[in-house]
Amino acid sequence: MMQGFGHGWGMGFGWIIGIIILLIILWLAFKVFRTNSEKPSSSTNKPLNILRERYAKGEIDKDEFEQRKKDLEN
């Protein structure tokens, strides 16, 4: 007797919620994989990054920075 009026709204727009959930899952997966792929490259330059940070903080002077940089490159 209701001819589909009771369930029409939920069934008509329910697929939108499914698409939104799917997009969120894909976005999270992309973010996780992108973060994991960046980690190895940053770990290879870790000593040089620490040296740059120490120079930027003023813990070492330019001469010491250059000498240690040469030591790391060898």
C-alpha atoms as a PDB file:
ATOM      1  CA  MET A   1       0.000   0.000   0.000  1.00  0.00           C
ATOM      2  CA  MET A   2       2.873   2.402   0.660  1.00  0.00           C
ATOM      3  CA  GLN A   3       4.276   1.597  -2.786  1.00  0.00           C
ATOM      4  CA  GLY A   4       7.943   1.946  -1.790  1.00  0.00           C
ATOM      5  CA  PHE A   5       7.747   5.288   0.031  1.00  0.00           C
ATOM      6  CA  GLY A   6       8.955   3.790   3.300  1.00  0.00           C
ATOM      7  CA  HIS A   7      12.290   2.549   1.964  1.00  0.00           C
ATOM      8  CA  GLY A   8      12.857   4.730  -1.076  1.00  0.00           C
ATOM      9  CA  TRP A   9      14.991   7.408   0.582  1.00  0.00           C
ATOM     10  CA  GLY A  10      17.421   5.013   2.239  1.00  0.00           C
ATOM     11  CA  MET A  11      17.801   2.817  -0.799  1.00  0.00           C
ATOM     12  CA  GLY A  12      18.120   5.733  -3.164  1.00  0.00           C
ATOM     13  CA  PHE A  13      20.931   7.458  -1.305  1.00  0.00           C
ATOM     14  CA  GLY A  14      22.543   4.467   0.409  1.00  0.00           C
ATOM     15  CA  TRP A  15      25.007   3.972  -2.447  1.00  0.00           C
ATOM     16  CA  ILE A  16      26.433   7.455  -1.836  1.00  0.00           C
ATOM     17  CA  ILE A  17      27.480   6.422   1.669  1.00  0.00           C
ATOM     18  CA  GLY A  18      29.158   3.330   0.211  1.00  0.00           C
ATOM     19  CA  ILE A  19      31.098   5.434  -2.298  1.00  0.00           C
ATOM     20  CA  ILE A  20      32.173   7.863   0.437  1.00  0.00           C
ATOM     21  CA  ILE A  21      33.401   4.990   2.616  1.00  0.00           C
ATOM     22  CA  LEU A  22      35.270   3.481  -0.350  1.00  0.00           C
ATOM     23  CA  LEU A  23      36.932   6.816  -1.138  1.00  0.00           C
ATOM     24  CA  ILE A  24      38.015   7.222   2.493  1.00  0.00           C
ATOM     25  CA  ILE A  25      39.537   3.723   2.505  1.00  0.00           C
ATOM     26  CA  LEU A  26      41.393   4.408  -0.757  1.00  0.00           C
ATOM     27  CA  TRP A  27      42.659   7.755   0.549  1.00  0.00           C
ATOM     28  CA  LEU A  28      43.935   6.163   3.765  1.00  0.00           C
ATOM     29  CA  ALA A  29      45.648   3.361   1.843  1.00  0.00           C
ATOM     30  CA  PHE A  30      47.336   5.881  -0.468  1.00  0.00           C
ATOM     31  CA  LYS A  31      48.491   7.929   2.503  1.00  0.00           C
ATOM     32  CA  VAL A  32      49.954   4.871   4.292  1.00  0.00           C
ATOM     33  CA  PHE A  33      51.795   3.595   1.206  1.00  0.00           C
ATOM     34  CA  ARG A  34      53.146   7.045   0.367  1.00  0.00           C
ATOM     35  CA  THR A  35      54.449   7.492   3.922  1.00  0.00           C
ATOM     36  CA  ASN A  36      56.155   4.060   3.851  1.00  0.00           C
ATOM     37  CA  SER A  37      57.847   4.798   0.529  1.00  0.00           C
ATOM     38  CA  GLU A  38      59.332   8.057   1.854  1.00  0.00           C
ATOM     39  CA  LYS A  39      60.927   6.521   4.953  1.00  0.00           C
ATOM     40  CA  PRO A  40      63.850   4.665   3.322  1.00  0.00           C
ATOM     41  CA  SER A  41      65.076   7.711   1.414  1.00  0.00           C
ATOM     42  CA  SER A  42      65.073   9.907   4.501  1.00  0.00           C
ATOM     43  CA  SER A  43      66.891   7.274   6.573  1.00  0.00           C
ATOM     44  CA  THR A  44      69.799   7.102   4.111  1.00  0.00           C
ATOM     45  CA  ASN A  45      70.574  10.798   4.670  1.00  0.00           C
ATOM     46  CA  LYS A  46      69.905  10.755   8.385  1.00  0.00           C
ATOM     47  CA  PRO A  47      73.479  11.607   9.532  1.00  0.00           C
ATOM     48  CA  LEU A  48      73.666  14.491   7.072  1.00  0.00           C
ATOM     49  CA  ASN A  49      70.240  15.745   8.162  1.00  0.00           C
ATOM     50  CA  ILE A  50      71.357  15.683  11.813  1.00  0.00           C
ATOM     51  CA  LEU A  51      74.510  17.568  10.866  1.00  0.00           C
ATOM     52  CA  ARG A  52      72.460  20.208   9.047  1.00  0.00           C
ATOM     53  CA  GLU A  53      70.147  20.565  12.027  1.00  0.00           C
ATOM     54  CA  ARG A  54      73.093  21.057  14.388  1.00  0.00           C
ATOM     55  CA  TYR A  55      74.558  23.706  12.065  1.00  0.00           C
ATOM     56  CA  ALA A  56      71.177  25.451  11.806  1.00  0.00           C
ATOM     57  CA  LYS A  57      70.848  25.487  15.602  1.00  0.00           C
ATOM     58  CA  GLY A  58      74.306  26.997  15.951  1.00  0.00           C
ATOM     59  CA  GLU A  59      75.774  24.016  17.799  1.00  0.00           C
ATOM     60  CA  ILE A  60      78.650  23.810  15.295  1.00  0.00           C
ATOM     61  CA  ASP A  61      80.329  26.454  13.143  1.00  0.00           C
ATOM     62  CA  LYS A  62      80.758  26.461   9.375  1.00  0.00           C
ATOM     63  CA  ASP A  63      84.280  24.983   9.409  1.00  0.00           C
ATOM     64  CA  GLU A  64      83.221  22.078  11.597  1.00  0.00           C
ATOM     65  CA  PHE A  65      80.119  21.552   9.446  1.00  0.00           C
ATOM     66  CA  GLU A  66      82.178  21.400   6.253  1.00  0.00           C
ATOM     67  CA  GLN A  67      84.731  19.028   7.771  1.00  0.00           C
ATOM     68  CA  ARG A  68      82.109  16.630   9.109  1.00  0.00           C
ATOM     69  CA  LYS A  69      80.207  16.785   5.827  1.00  0.00           C
ATOM     70  CA  LYS A  70      83.381  15.720   3.983  1.00  0.00           C
ATOM     71  CA  ASP A  71      83.854  12.902   6.494  1.00  0.00           C
ATOM     72  CA  LEU A  72      80.321  11.660   5.877  1.00  0.00           C
ATOM     73  CA  GLU A  73      80.706  11.755   2.107  1.00  0.00           C
ATOM     74  CA  ASN A  74      83.811   9.526   2.220  1.00  0.00           C
END
